[in-house]
Amino acid sequence: MLKLRLSRGGTKKRPVYKVVVADSRFARDGRFIEKVGFFNPLLPKEKKERVGLEAERIKYWLGQGAQPTTRVARILGENELMPMPANGNNPNKAVPKKERNKKEEDNKEAPKAEAAPAEAALKEEAPKEEAPKEAAPKAEAAPKEEAPK
């Protein structure tokens, strides 16, 4: 299977990536079919030197069935070469596990508390609807009592 993925280069702690088309069985930094761009994560997002892509070649390989990795898909989405992928951000990941568990417990209790008032509201509405039905038979019952006298 063909993949559009990043191949790491540069020195230790100073990565620079090539965007390459490679067979998924090849090593990450190994053999590739074609280099179609580069990505320098150390530069600020505003600089245009951060990402360089050959749009025509990328569109060609996508048409041939090459699948981008999640990181490459995000880069291509930012450069409007394909639709933006679904956001995989997990805001709870940075929160310590103990605090995360406390929040989950609070969230589990909150829906139960919210469900109870909703059920109470339904119970309050139900008697209001039934009350007029009960009042009508009582009114009919009263004339019946008067008739036998």
Protein backbone atom coordinates (compact mmCIF):
# COMPACT_ATOMS: atom_id res chain seq x y z
CA MET A 1 0.00 0.00 0.00
CA LEU A 2 1.29 3.45 -0.90
CA LYS A 3 1.58 6.03 1.85
CA LEU A 4 2.27 9.75 1.91
CA ARG A 5 4.35 10.06 5.05
CA LEU A 6 7.18 11.92 6.75
CA SER A 7 10.77 10.73 6.53
CA ARG A 8 13.00 12.14 9.26
CA GLY A 9 16.26 13.87 8.53
CA GLY A 10 18.41 16.51 10.21
CA THR A 11 20.52 16.13 13.31
CA LYS A 12 19.82 15.07 16.85
CA LYS A 13 17.12 17.31 18.40
CA ARG A 14 16.90 19.32 15.14
CA PRO A 15 14.48 17.34 12.94
CA VAL A 16 13.63 18.17 9.35
CA TYR A 17 11.16 15.98 7.52
CA LYS A 18 10.69 15.07 3.87
CA VAL A 19 7.15 14.34 2.68
CA VAL A 20 7.58 11.18 0.62
CA VAL A 21 5.53 8.59 -1.23
CA ALA A 22 6.63 5.15 -0.04
CA ASP A 23 5.41 1.62 0.23
CA SER A 24 4.07 1.06 3.73
CA ARG A 25 6.41 -1.95 4.13
CA PHE A 26 9.55 0.19 3.74
CA ALA A 27 11.38 1.64 6.73
CA ARG A 28 10.42 5.15 7.85
CA ASP A 29 13.69 6.72 6.70
CA GLY A 30 14.42 4.06 4.10
CA ARG A 31 13.59 3.63 0.46
CA PHE A 32 10.86 5.82 -1.03
CA ILE A 33 9.33 6.30 -4.46
CA GLU A 34 9.29 10.09 -4.70
CA LYS A 35 9.93 13.15 -2.53
CA VAL A 36 6.94 15.50 -2.78
CA GLY A 37 7.72 18.10 -0.12
CA PHE A 38 9.35 19.01 3.17
CA PHE A 39 8.32 20.04 6.69
CA ASN A 40 10.41 21.91 9.27
CA PRO A 41 8.62 21.82 12.66
CA LEU A 42 11.17 24.14 14.31
CA LEU A 43 10.05 27.19 12.33
CA PRO A 44 7.02 29.24 13.44
CA LYS A 45 3.71 28.49 11.74
CA GLU A 46 3.62 31.92 10.10
CA LYS A 47 6.77 31.35 8.02
CA LYS A 48 6.24 29.95 4.55
CA GLU A 49 9.59 28.11 4.72
CA ARG A 50 8.05 25.76 7.32
CA VAL A 51 6.24 23.65 4.70
CA GLY A 52 6.95 23.13 1.02
CA LEU A 53 4.72 20.88 -1.06
CA GLU A 54 4.51 19.92 -4.73
CA ALA A 55 0.73 20.16 -5.10
CA GLU A 56 0.47 18.57 -8.56
CA ARG A 57 2.49 15.49 -7.59
CA ILE A 58 0.59 15.08 -4.30
CA LYS A 59 -2.76 15.23 -6.13
CA TYR A 60 -1.43 12.68 -8.62
CA TRP A 61 -0.39 10.23 -5.88
CA LEU A 62 -3.67 10.71 -3.98
CA GLY A 63 -5.42 9.86 -7.25
CA GLN A 64 -3.32 6.71 -7.52
CA GLY A 65 -4.60 5.57 -4.11
CA ALA A 66 -1.81 6.72 -1.79
CA GLN A 67 -3.07 7.21 1.77
CA PRO A 68 -1.64 10.06 3.87
CA THR A 69 -0.70 9.47 7.49
CA THR A 70 -2.54 11.53 10.10
CA ARG A 71 0.26 14.11 10.38
CA VAL A 72 0.62 14.47 6.61
CA ALA A 73 -3.18 14.69 6.24
CA ARG A 74 -3.18 17.60 8.69
CA ILE A 75 -0.37 19.34 6.77
CA LEU A 76 -2.21 18.82 3.48
CA GLY A 77 -5.45 20.08 5.04
CA GLU A 78 -3.75 23.27 6.26
CA ASN A 79 -2.44 23.84 2.73
CA GLU A 80 -5.89 23.10 1.22
CA LEU A 81 -4.74 20.11 -0.83
CA MET A 82 -7.38 17.87 0.74
CA PRO A 83 -10.19 18.26 3.29
CA MET A 84 -9.11 18.81 6.89
CA PRO A 85 -9.18 15.53 8.84
CA ALA A 86 -11.32 15.15 11.95
CA ASN A 87 -9.77 16.76 14.97
CA GLY A 88 -7.94 14.17 17.05
CA ASN A 89 -7.21 16.53 19.91
CA ASN A 90 -7.65 15.08 23.38
CA PRO A 91 -7.72 17.96 25.90
CA ASN A 92 -7.84 15.52 28.84
CA LYS A 93 -4.47 14.07 27.89
CA ALA A 94 -2.58 16.88 29.64
CA VAL A 95 -4.61 16.51 32.86
CA PRO A 96 -3.12 14.15 35.48
CA LYS A 97 -4.93 10.81 35.64
CA LYS A 98 -6.19 11.24 39.21
CA GLU A 99 -7.84 14.57 38.38
CA ARG A 100 -9.22 13.11 35.13
CA ASN A 101 -10.87 10.27 37.09
CA LYS A 102 -12.45 12.76 39.51
CA LYS A 103 -13.92 14.73 36.59
CA GLU A 104 -15.29 11.54 35.03
CA GLU A 105 -16.98 10.60 38.32
CA ASP A 106 -18.50 14.08 38.57
CA ASN A 107 -19.74 13.81 34.99
CA LYS A 108 -21.33 10.42 35.73
CA GLU A 109 -23.20 11.86 38.71
CA ALA A 110 -24.33 14.97 36.85
CA PRO A 111 -26.49 13.20 34.23
CA LYS A 112 -28.29 11.31 37.00
CA ALA A 113 -29.02 14.58 38.78
CA GLU A 114 -30.21 16.13 35.53
CA ALA A 115 -32.42 13.13 34.76
CA ALA A 116 -34.24 13.36 38.09
CA PRO A 117 -35.56 16.92 37.53
CA ALA A 118 -36.61 15.95 34.03
CA GLU A 119 -38.56 12.98 35.38
CA ALA A 120 -40.11 15.18 38.08
CA ALA A 121 -41.20 17.66 35.43
CA LEU A 122 -42.83 14.84 33.46
CA LYS A 123 -44.63 13.62 36.58
CA GLU A 124 -45.90 17.15 37.27
CA GLU A 125 -47.19 17.53 33.72
CA ALA A 126 -48.95 14.16 33.70
CA PRO A 127 -51.40 14.92 36.56
CA LYS A 128 -52.33 18.24 34.94
CA GLU A 129 -53.39 16.42 31.81
CA GLU A 130 -55.30 13.76 33.74
CA ALA A 131 -57.11 16.25 36.00
CA PRO A 132 -59.54 17.55 33.36
CA LYS A 133 -60.41 13.96 32.39
CA GLU A 134 -61.29 13.17 36.00
CA ALA A 135 -63.30 16.36 36.40
CA ALA A 136 -65.56 15.53 33.47
CA PRO A 137 -66.80 12.18 34.88
CA LYS A 138 -67.51 13.82 38.26
CA ALA A 139 -69.67 16.42 36.58
CA GLU A 140 -71.59 13.66 34.78
CA ALA A 141 -71.90 11.67 37.98
CA ALA A 142 -73.52 14.58 39.83
CA PRO A 143 -76.53 14.89 37.49
CA LYS A 144 -77.07 11.12 37.73
CA GLU A 145 -77.39 11.43 41.50
CA GLU A 146 -79.92 14.22 41.16
CA ALA A 147 -82.08 12.26 38.76
CA PRO A 148 -82.99 9.38 41.15
CA LYS A 149 -84.14 11.78 43.92
